[in-house]
Amino acid sequence: MARELAMMLAVYLPASATYAQDPAKPQDLSIQAGDWKLKFYGFLRLDVLIDDSKPNDPQVIQWVRSEDDAAIPLGFGAENGDEQFNMHPKLTRLGIDVAAPRIEALGQALPTGKLEIDFYNFTQSESRDLPRIRHAFLRLGWTETALVLGQREDVISPLYPVVNNDIVMWNAGNLGDRRPQIRFEVAPEPGEGSKAVLQVMAGLTGANDGQNLDGATPSSFSPASTLDGIDSGLPTLQARVAYQGRHLWMENKEWEIGTWGHTAQEKLPEGAAPINGEDSWTSTAFGLDLTLPLWEALDLKAEVWAGRNLDDVRGGIGQGVNNTAGDPNQGQEIDARGGWVEVGYQALDCWTVYLGYSFDDPDDNLPASGARDKNVIVYLANRLKFGNVAFGADYLNWTTEWSGGFKDGTDNRFNLFAQFNF
């Protein structure tokens, strides 16, 4: 039983749902007490960030400010060549996996759980960072099915680019985030070396964008009292279907392709004044993900998507509903499309290099002036691993286009980091 619990402790995810900054886990930092087991993991990390132009934020870059003098007094511009240097340990992470004995009354379900934190809560001091919940969920697992209850990542957009670990290219081509949810998973194995995956989820709407278009003041207990997603009376719904197979010419490699969809509703509270005649909005997204080994040392990952009103799932460069007073499209959902592709080459046992391209392109219903019209990023990343210690050296060429004739913002960003995995 103990050996089985240890094997089942790793919470199920499709093989494609990997994280660029996940710790290597060669150790077994665990505590066993009968049929119960606790396993600790994480990493200690320091990031250095250098920009030759000014992004929206020196740590969680999502766009580059317009380098147009006329945009500066409007709040979205910066002088050309406004350099920045930043250093932080906020990605440092600690996680605990828990496994317990099977529950006979629930059909021999195996209960496991995960609690994972980092330190990316914003404070008044850069040396007084606070813990932040990343994952906190219970999983009940059977032979080919599982039920998950708690906070974890979205079902949609399961892959992550290797760069920009502070915000994993959200609002820059990569969709998804974390939210409280109830998830059901089925993963049958139709043949040797193959696996089918079905995931469906109902989660909290507004968990990430905090949309509150009527501007109501939160209650003294929770900002949830003002969220338009909660006022809709409906959850966010997501689903993904995928197939994983053994590679045709590389026996130790697997490929996976998935398709997924998302829908959610947002609504003003009863009695609130409509916004240009609108009092409710729909969020939708459809996408594909692909993990494809090209050769023994060469791998490709990619995602592509399209939808509307996507700021709660980190699309549209953070623009979901046009709420610019007097704009012809005020009150309309903003359409967007995007995606990313990345090729990784393991040049040496200790060195992997990545080349990638990512874009997020909001389209119809944008504000006519001062809106983020397009993000385009080309990047080169290096990863060096020596046992439990890893180093990274990344370069990102990031361009943000702006509506209304304002000049683009272009930033050459360098990200250096050191990470000790445990």
Protein backbone atom coordinates (compact mmCIF):
# COMPACT_ATOMS: atom_id res chain seq x y z
CA MET A 1 0.00 0.00 0.00
CA ALA A 2 2.76 2.47 0.89
CA ARG A 3 4.54 1.89 -2.43
CA GLU A 4 1.26 2.36 -4.31
CA LEU A 5 0.58 5.62 -2.48
CA ALA A 6 4.01 6.92 -3.35
CA MET A 7 3.47 6.13 -7.03
CA MET A 8 0.03 7.77 -7.03
CA LEU A 9 1.19 10.85 -5.16
CA ALA A 10 2.03 12.81 -8.29
CA VAL A 11 -1.30 14.46 -9.11
CA TYR A 12 -2.54 13.56 -12.58
CA LEU A 13 -1.99 16.00 -15.44
CA PRO A 14 -1.72 15.25 -19.14
CA ALA A 15 1.92 14.94 -20.17
CA SER A 16 1.72 18.25 -22.02
CA ALA A 17 0.84 20.27 -18.92
CA THR A 18 4.42 21.04 -17.92
CA TYR A 19 5.76 24.19 -16.29
CA ALA A 20 8.95 25.79 -17.47
CA GLN A 21 10.01 26.61 -13.91
CA ASP A 22 8.95 23.35 -12.26
CA PRO A 23 11.59 21.93 -9.92
CA ALA A 24 13.53 18.82 -10.74
CA LYS A 25 12.62 16.12 -8.21
CA PRO A 26 15.48 13.62 -7.85
CA GLN A 27 15.10 13.51 -4.07
CA ASP A 28 12.39 12.09 -1.88
CA LEU A 29 11.82 14.74 0.79
CA SER A 30 8.93 12.87 2.34
CA ILE A 31 7.47 11.81 5.65
CA GLN A 32 5.65 8.49 5.90
CA ALA A 33 3.30 7.56 8.74
CA GLY A 34 1.48 4.31 8.10
CA ASP A 35 -0.51 4.73 4.90
CA TRP A 36 -0.19 8.53 5.00
CA LYS A 37 2.58 10.37 3.19
CA LEU A 38 3.72 14.00 2.95
CA LYS A 39 6.15 15.02 0.23
CA PHE A 40 7.87 18.41 0.12
CA TYR A 41 9.23 20.08 -3.02
CA GLY A 42 10.07 23.48 -4.40
CA PHE A 43 12.98 25.74 -5.26
CA LEU A 44 14.87 28.83 -4.16
CA ARG A 45 15.31 31.36 -6.94
CA LEU A 46 16.67 34.81 -7.77
CA ASP A 47 15.72 36.67 -10.98
CA VAL A 48 17.52 39.64 -12.55
CA LEU A 49 15.52 41.61 -15.15
CA ILE A 50 16.96 44.26 -17.47
CA ASP A 51 14.85 46.33 -19.92
CA ASP A 52 16.07 48.96 -22.39
CA SER A 53 12.53 50.42 -22.62
CA LYS A 54 9.72 50.66 -20.10
CA PRO A 55 7.14 47.84 -19.86
CA ASN A 56 3.90 48.07 -17.92
CA ASP A 57 5.76 46.58 -14.91
CA PRO A 58 9.45 45.75 -14.40
CA GLN A 59 8.60 42.27 -13.09
CA VAL A 60 5.30 41.08 -14.58
CA ILE A 61 5.70 42.41 -18.11
CA GLN A 62 2.54 42.13 -20.22
CA TRP A 63 3.06 44.98 -22.70
CA VAL A 64 5.51 47.78 -23.51
CA ARG A 65 4.51 51.40 -23.05
CA SER A 66 4.13 53.54 -26.17
CA GLU A 67 7.32 55.46 -26.93
CA ASP A 68 5.29 58.44 -28.07
CA ASP A 69 5.64 61.73 -26.16
CA ALA A 70 1.91 62.38 -26.58
CA ALA A 71 1.11 59.13 -24.72
CA ILE A 72 3.07 60.05 -21.58
CA PRO A 73 0.49 62.45 -20.05
CA LEU A 74 -2.24 59.92 -20.93
CA GLY A 75 -0.66 57.32 -18.65
CA PHE A 76 0.44 54.63 -21.14
CA GLY A 77 3.62 56.16 -22.57
CA ALA A 78 7.28 56.43 -21.65
CA GLU A 79 10.38 58.12 -23.00
CA ASN A 80 12.28 56.17 -25.66
CA GLY A 81 15.14 54.29 -23.98
CA ASP A 82 13.75 54.52 -20.41
CA GLU A 83 15.91 51.70 -19.01
CA GLN A 84 15.08 49.57 -15.98
CA PHE A 85 16.94 47.11 -13.73
CA ASN A 86 15.14 44.81 -11.29
CA MET A 87 16.01 41.89 -9.02
CA HIS A 88 13.67 39.72 -6.92
CA PRO A 89 13.23 36.28 -5.22
CA LYS A 90 9.42 36.14 -5.59
CA LEU A 91 9.31 32.99 -7.72
CA THR A 92 10.75 30.97 -4.82
CA ARG A 93 8.25 28.16 -4.32
CA LEU A 94 7.23 25.63 -1.67
CA GLY A 95 4.83 22.76 -2.20
CA ILE A 96 3.42 19.86 -0.22
CA ASP A 97 1.79 16.75 -1.73
CA VAL A 98 -0.38 14.63 0.58
CA ALA A 99 -1.58 11.06 0.06
CA ALA A 100 -3.94 9.09 2.31
CA PRO A 101 -5.37 5.53 2.34
CA ARG A 102 -8.04 4.62 -0.19
CA ILE A 103 -11.64 5.29 0.84
CA GLU A 104 -13.77 2.17 0.53
CA ALA A 105 -17.07 4.08 0.84
CA LEU A 106 -16.13 6.13 -2.28
CA GLY A 107 -15.38 3.15 -4.50
CA GLN A 108 -11.78 2.77 -3.33
CA ALA A 109 -10.98 6.36 -4.27
CA LEU A 110 -7.41 7.42 -3.58
CA PRO A 111 -7.40 10.88 -1.90
CA THR A 112 -4.43 13.12 -2.63
CA GLY A 113 -3.94 16.83 -2.21
CA LYS A 114 -1.60 19.66 -3.07
CA LEU A 115 -0.76 22.95 -1.38
CA GLU A 116 1.70 25.16 -3.24
CA ILE A 117 2.77 28.76 -2.56
CA ASP A 118 5.18 31.34 -3.89
CA PHE A 119 5.80 34.96 -2.85
CA TYR A 120 4.24 37.02 -5.63
CA ASN A 121 1.87 39.07 -3.48
CA PHE A 122 2.56 42.75 -4.02
CA THR A 123 3.57 44.73 -0.93
CA GLN A 124 4.85 48.20 -0.10
CA SER A 125 8.38 46.84 0.27
CA GLU A 126 10.40 44.80 -2.22
CA SER A 127 12.12 43.02 0.69
CA ARG A 128 8.89 42.06 2.51
CA ASP A 129 7.17 39.72 0.06
CA LEU A 130 4.11 37.77 1.20
CA PRO A 131 3.05 34.18 0.43
CA ARG A 132 0.53 33.61 -2.37
CA ILE A 133 -1.56 30.49 -2.97
CA ARG A 134 -0.81 28.89 -6.33
CA HIS A 135 -2.50 25.52 -5.83
CA ALA A 136 -4.74 24.24 -3.04
CA PHE A 137 -6.87 21.25 -4.01
CA LEU A 138 -8.16 17.80 -3.16
CA ARG A 139 -8.14 15.03 -5.76
CA LEU A 140 -10.13 11.79 -5.58
CA GLY A 141 -8.65 9.29 -8.04
CA TRP A 142 -9.99 6.03 -9.41
CA THR A 143 -8.55 3.78 -12.13
CA GLU A 144 -9.21 6.05 -15.12
CA THR A 145 -11.19 8.93 -13.61
CA ALA A 146 -10.62 11.68 -11.07
CA LEU A 147 -12.51 14.47 -9.32
CA VAL A 148 -10.60 17.63 -8.33
CA LEU A 149 -11.92 20.30 -5.95
CA GLY A 150 -10.00 23.47 -5.11
CA GLN A 151 -7.72 25.96 -6.81
CA ARG A 152 -5.50 24.91 -9.69
CA GLU A 153 -4.70 25.93 -13.28
CA ASP A 154 -7.37 26.27 -15.98
CA VAL A 155 -8.22 23.28 -18.15
CA ILE A 156 -7.65 25.30 -21.32
CA SER A 157 -4.21 26.17 -22.68
CA PRO A 158 -2.26 23.52 -20.74
CA LEU A 159 1.22 24.34 -22.11
CA TYR A 160 3.61 27.08 -20.98
CA PRO A 161 6.45 28.85 -22.84
CA VAL A 162 9.81 28.52 -21.17
CA VAL A 163 10.36 32.30 -20.80
CA ASN A 164 8.84 35.09 -18.69
CA ASN A 165 8.30 32.84 -15.68
CA ASP A 166 6.94 35.76 -13.65
CA ILE A 167 3.69 35.66 -15.66
CA VAL A 168 4.30 32.85 -18.23
CA MET A 169 3.45 35.06 -21.25
CA TRP A 170 -0.11 35.75 -20.14
CA ASN A 171 -1.65 38.58 -22.20
CA ALA A 172 1.15 37.95 -24.68
CA GLY A 173 0.04 34.78 -26.48
CA ASN A 174 -0.51 32.25 -23.68
CA LEU A 175 -4.00 31.83 -22.18
CA GLY A 176 -5.10 30.42 -18.84
CA ASP A 177 -4.53 31.13 -15.16
CA ARG A 178 -5.53 29.56 -11.85
CA ARG A 179 -8.98 29.71 -10.25
CA PRO A 180 -11.18 27.87 -7.70
CA GLN A 181 -12.87 25.03 -9.55
CA ILE A 182 -14.52 21.63 -9.66
CA ARG A 183 -12.94 19.41 -12.30
CA PHE A 184 -13.69 15.93 -13.64
CA GLU A 185 -11.09 13.98 -15.63
CA VAL A 186 -11.20 10.76 -17.64
CA ALA A 187 -8.01 9.26 -19.07
CA PRO A 188 -8.56 5.82 -20.65
CA GLU A 189 -5.76 3.98 -22.46
CA PRO A 190 -7.24 2.72 -25.75
CA GLY A 191 -4.02 0.96 -26.75
CA GLU A 192 -0.48 0.28 -25.64
CA GLY A 193 1.45 3.54 -25.49
CA SER A 194 -1.59 5.74 -26.06
CA LYS A 195 -3.93 7.71 -23.84
CA ALA A 196 -7.12 9.70 -24.41
CA VAL A 197 -7.92 12.61 -22.10
CA LEU A 198 -11.21 14.36 -21.31
CA GLN A 199 -11.30 17.20 -18.79
CA VAL A 200 -14.30 19.36 -17.85
CA MET A 201 -14.32 22.15 -15.29
CA ALA A 202 -16.68 24.62 -13.60
CA GLY A 203 -14.84 27.50 -11.95
CA LEU A 204 -15.10 31.01 -10.57
CA THR A 205 -15.58 33.82 -13.12
CA GLY A 206 -13.69 37.01 -12.34
CA ALA A 207 -10.99 35.25 -10.32
CA ASN A 208 -8.27 36.96 -12.37
CA ASP A 209 -9.60 40.11 -14.04
CA GLY A 210 -11.80 41.17 -11.10
CA GLN A 211 -14.22 42.85 -13.52
CA ASN A 212 -16.49 45.40 -11.81
CA LEU A 213 -17.81 47.65 -14.58
CA ASP A 214 -20.43 49.41 -12.47
CA GLY A 215 -17.69 50.54 -10.06
CA ALA A 216 -19.49 49.35 -6.93
CA THR A 217 -17.56 49.58 -3.68
CA PRO A 218 -16.57 46.17 -2.28
CA SER A 219 -18.05 45.06 1.00
CA SER A 220 -15.88 45.14 4.10
CA PHE A 221 -15.52 41.36 3.84
CA SER A 222 -14.66 40.57 0.22
CA PRO A 223 -14.19 42.17 -3.23
CA ALA A 224 -16.25 39.22 -4.51
CA SER A 225 -19.35 41.26 -3.72
CA THR A 226 -18.68 43.44 -6.77
CA LEU A 227 -17.52 40.92 -9.41
CA ASP A 228 -19.57 40.89 -12.61
CA GLY A 229 -18.80 37.19 -13.03
CA ILE A 230 -20.43 36.35 -9.70
CA ASP A 231 -23.43 38.56 -10.53
CA SER A 232 -24.02 36.47 -13.67
CA GLY A 233 -25.10 33.56 -11.46
CA LEU A 234 -23.09 31.12 -13.63
CA PRO A 235 -19.64 29.51 -13.40
CA THR A 236 -16.84 29.57 -15.95
CA LEU A 237 -17.08 26.36 -18.01
CA GLN A 238 -14.08 24.77 -19.74
CA ALA A 239 -13.38 21.47 -21.49
CA ARG A 240 -10.41 19.80 -23.20
CA VAL A 241 -10.12 16.64 -25.28
CA ALA A 242 -6.66 15.30 -26.10
CA TYR A 243 -4.87 12.26 -27.44
CA GLN A 244 -1.38 11.15 -26.48
CA GLY A 245 0.53 8.60 -28.53
CA ARG A 246 3.93 6.97 -28.70
CA HIS A 247 6.26 8.54 -31.23
CA LEU A 248 6.60 6.64 -34.52
CA TRP A 249 10.38 6.82 -34.82
CA MET A 250 11.46 7.50 -31.19
CA GLU A 251 10.36 4.85 -28.71
CA ASN A 252 11.09 6.95 -25.61
CA LYS A 253 9.16 9.99 -26.86
CA GLU A 254 5.44 10.78 -26.87
CA TRP A 255 3.37 13.32 -28.75
CA GLU A 256 0.08 14.92 -27.74
CA ILE A 257 -2.57 17.03 -29.43
CA GLY A 258 -5.52 18.66 -27.68
CA THR A 259 -8.46 20.90 -28.45
CA TRP A 260 -10.30 22.98 -25.87
CA GLY A 261 -13.02 25.53 -25.27
CA HIS A 262 -14.06 28.08 -22.68
CA THR A 263 -17.22 30.07 -21.96
CA ALA A 264 -18.28 32.39 -19.14
CA GLN A 265 -20.84 35.10 -18.42
CA GLU A 266 -20.48 38.50 -16.76
CA LYS A 267 -23.40 40.72 -15.74
CA LEU A 268 -24.04 43.99 -13.94
CA PRO A 269 -26.01 43.67 -10.70
CA GLU A 270 -29.74 44.26 -10.83
CA GLY A 271 -30.52 47.97 -10.89
CA ALA A 272 -27.10 49.08 -12.19
CA ALA A 273 -27.11 51.48 -15.12
CA PRO A 274 -26.28 49.75 -18.45
CA ILE A 275 -23.07 50.66 -20.25
CA ASN A 276 -24.02 52.04 -23.65
CA GLY A 277 -27.10 49.82 -23.53
CA GLU A 278 -25.25 46.67 -22.44
CA ASP A 279 -25.51 45.01 -19.03
CA SER A 280 -24.12 41.50 -19.71
CA TRP A 281 -21.18 40.04 -21.60
CA THR A 282 -20.04 36.62 -22.85
CA SER A 283 -16.48 35.29 -22.80
CA THR A 284 -15.57 32.51 -25.27
CA ALA A 285 -12.36 30.87 -26.46
CA PHE A 286 -11.39 27.92 -28.63
CA GLY A 287 -7.89 26.59 -29.10
CA LEU A 288 -5.44 23.82 -29.95
CA ASP A 289 -2.27 22.63 -28.22
CA LEU A 290 0.49 20.43 -29.62
CA THR A 291 3.51 18.71 -28.10
CA LEU A 292 5.64 17.10 -30.80
CA PRO A 293 9.15 15.65 -30.47
CA LEU A 294 10.94 16.28 -33.77
CA TRP A 295 14.07 14.28 -32.95
CA GLU A 296 15.86 12.87 -29.92
CA ALA A 297 17.18 16.29 -28.87
CA LEU A 298 14.63 18.51 -30.65
CA ASP A 299 11.11 19.22 -29.38
CA LEU A 300 8.27 21.52 -30.45
CA LYS A 301 5.40 22.95 -28.39
CA ALA A 302 2.66 25.23 -29.70
CA GLU A 303 -0.77 26.68 -28.96
CA VAL A 304 -3.19 28.73 -31.04
CA TRP A 305 -6.51 30.26 -29.98
CA ALA A 306 -9.26 32.76 -30.79
CA GLY A 307 -12.13 34.25 -28.79
CA ARG A 308 -13.63 37.32 -27.18
CA ASN A 309 -13.69 39.04 -23.79
CA LEU A 310 -10.68 37.06 -22.61
CA ASP A 311 -9.06 39.15 -19.88
CA ASP A 312 -10.15 36.69 -17.15
CA VAL A 313 -8.17 33.96 -18.96
CA ARG A 314 -5.28 36.33 -19.80
CA GLY A 315 -6.04 37.12 -23.42
CA GLY A 316 -6.64 40.28 -25.45
CA ILE A 317 -3.60 41.91 -23.75
CA GLY A 318 -5.76 42.32 -20.65
CA GLN A 319 -8.70 43.91 -22.49
CA GLY A 320 -12.08 42.19 -22.23
CA VAL A 321 -14.89 44.74 -22.54
CA ASN A 322 -14.50 48.20 -24.10
CA ASN A 323 -15.44 50.60 -21.30
CA THR A 324 -14.04 53.82 -22.80
CA ALA A 325 -16.63 56.58 -22.40
CA GLY A 326 -17.72 58.06 -25.70
CA ASP A 327 -16.07 55.38 -27.81
CA PRO A 328 -18.28 53.99 -30.62
CA ASN A 329 -17.66 50.44 -29.35
CA GLN A 330 -18.20 51.14 -25.66
CA GLY A 331 -19.91 48.19 -23.97
CA GLN A 332 -18.79 45.64 -26.58
CA GLU A 333 -16.68 42.50 -26.04
CA ILE A 334 -13.18 42.74 -27.53
CA ASP A 335 -12.25 39.99 -29.98
CA ALA A 336 -8.73 38.55 -29.89
CA ARG A 337 -6.58 35.80 -31.33
CA GLY A 338 -3.12 34.59 -30.48
CA GLY A 339 -0.74 31.77 -29.77
CA TRP A 340 2.88 30.77 -29.53
CA VAL A 341 5.36 28.25 -30.87
CA GLU A 342 8.62 27.12 -29.29
CA VAL A 343 11.40 24.77 -30.36
CA GLY A 344 13.82 23.37 -27.79
CA TYR A 345 17.19 21.79 -28.63
CA GLN A 346 19.23 19.91 -26.04
CA ALA A 347 22.72 20.79 -27.20
CA LEU A 348 24.46 19.11 -24.25
CA ASP A 349 23.36 17.05 -21.26
CA CYS A 350 23.47 20.21 -19.16
CA TRP A 351 22.41 22.80 -21.76
CA THR A 352 19.11 23.31 -23.61
CA VAL A 353 18.41 26.25 -25.90
CA TYR A 354 14.92 27.45 -26.95
CA LEU A 355 13.71 29.66 -29.79
CA GLY A 356 10.15 30.96 -29.74
CA TYR A 357 7.53 33.32 -31.12
CA SER A 358 4.38 34.54 -29.34
CA PHE A 359 1.59 36.99 -30.18
CA ASP A 360 -1.70 38.35 -28.82
CA ASP A 361 -3.78 40.33 -31.31
CA PRO A 362 -6.96 42.05 -30.07
CA ASP A 363 -9.10 42.99 -33.03
CA ASP A 364 -12.73 44.14 -33.23
CA ASN A 365 -14.29 46.52 -30.66
CA LEU A 366 -11.03 47.94 -29.28
CA PRO A 367 -11.11 51.55 -28.12
CA ALA A 368 -10.21 53.77 -31.07
CA SER A 369 -7.30 55.40 -29.25
CA GLY A 370 -4.88 54.39 -26.50
CA ALA A 371 -5.64 50.67 -26.61
CA ARG A 372 -3.11 47.85 -26.79
CA ASP A 373 -3.48 46.72 -30.38
CA LYS A 374 -0.98 43.84 -30.64
CA ASN A 375 1.82 42.09 -28.75
CA VAL A 376 4.59 40.36 -30.73
CA ILE A 377 7.50 38.65 -28.98
CA VAL A 378 10.50 36.76 -30.36
CA TYR A 379 12.71 35.09 -27.77
CA LEU A 380 15.85 33.04 -27.22
CA ALA A 381 16.29 31.14 -23.94
CA ASN A 382 19.11 29.10 -22.41
CA ARG A 383 18.85 26.60 -19.55
CA LEU A 384 21.91 25.17 -17.82
CA LYS A 385 21.38 22.41 -15.24
CA PHE A 386 24.01 21.01 -12.90
CA GLY A 387 22.41 18.53 -10.54
CA ASN A 388 19.92 20.45 -8.42
CA VAL A 389 21.13 23.88 -9.54
CA ALA A 390 19.87 25.57 -12.71
CA PHE A 391 20.77 28.82 -14.44
CA GLY A 392 18.82 30.69 -17.10
CA ALA A 393 19.71 33.40 -19.60
CA ASP A 394 16.82 34.68 -21.73
CA TYR A 395 16.45 37.41 -24.35
CA LEU A 396 13.02 38.72 -25.43
CA ASN A 397 12.39 41.24 -28.19
CA TRP A 398 8.94 42.59 -27.28
CA THR A 399 6.84 44.99 -29.37
CA THR A 400 3.43 46.38 -28.40
CA GLU A 401 1.36 48.24 -30.98
CA TRP A 402 -1.08 50.94 -29.85
CA SER A 403 -4.33 52.18 -31.41
CA GLY A 404 -4.97 55.81 -32.34
CA GLY A 405 -1.73 56.34 -34.23
CA PHE A 406 0.51 56.24 -31.15
CA LYS A 407 4.04 54.90 -31.65
CA ASP A 408 4.84 51.29 -30.78
CA GLY A 409 6.70 50.33 -27.64
CA THR A 410 9.70 48.03 -28.20
CA ASP A 411 11.71 46.50 -25.37
CA ASN A 412 14.82 44.35 -25.40
CA ARG A 413 14.52 42.38 -22.19
CA PHE A 414 17.17 40.20 -20.55
CA ASN A 415 16.21 37.76 -17.78
CA LEU A 416 18.94 35.99 -15.79
CA PHE A 417 18.16 33.62 -12.94
CA ALA A 418 19.63 31.04 -10.58
CA GLN A 419 17.49 28.27 -9.10
CA PHE A 420 18.14 25.57 -6.48
CA ASN A 421 15.63 22.74 -6.74
CA PHE A 422 14.65 20.48 -3.87
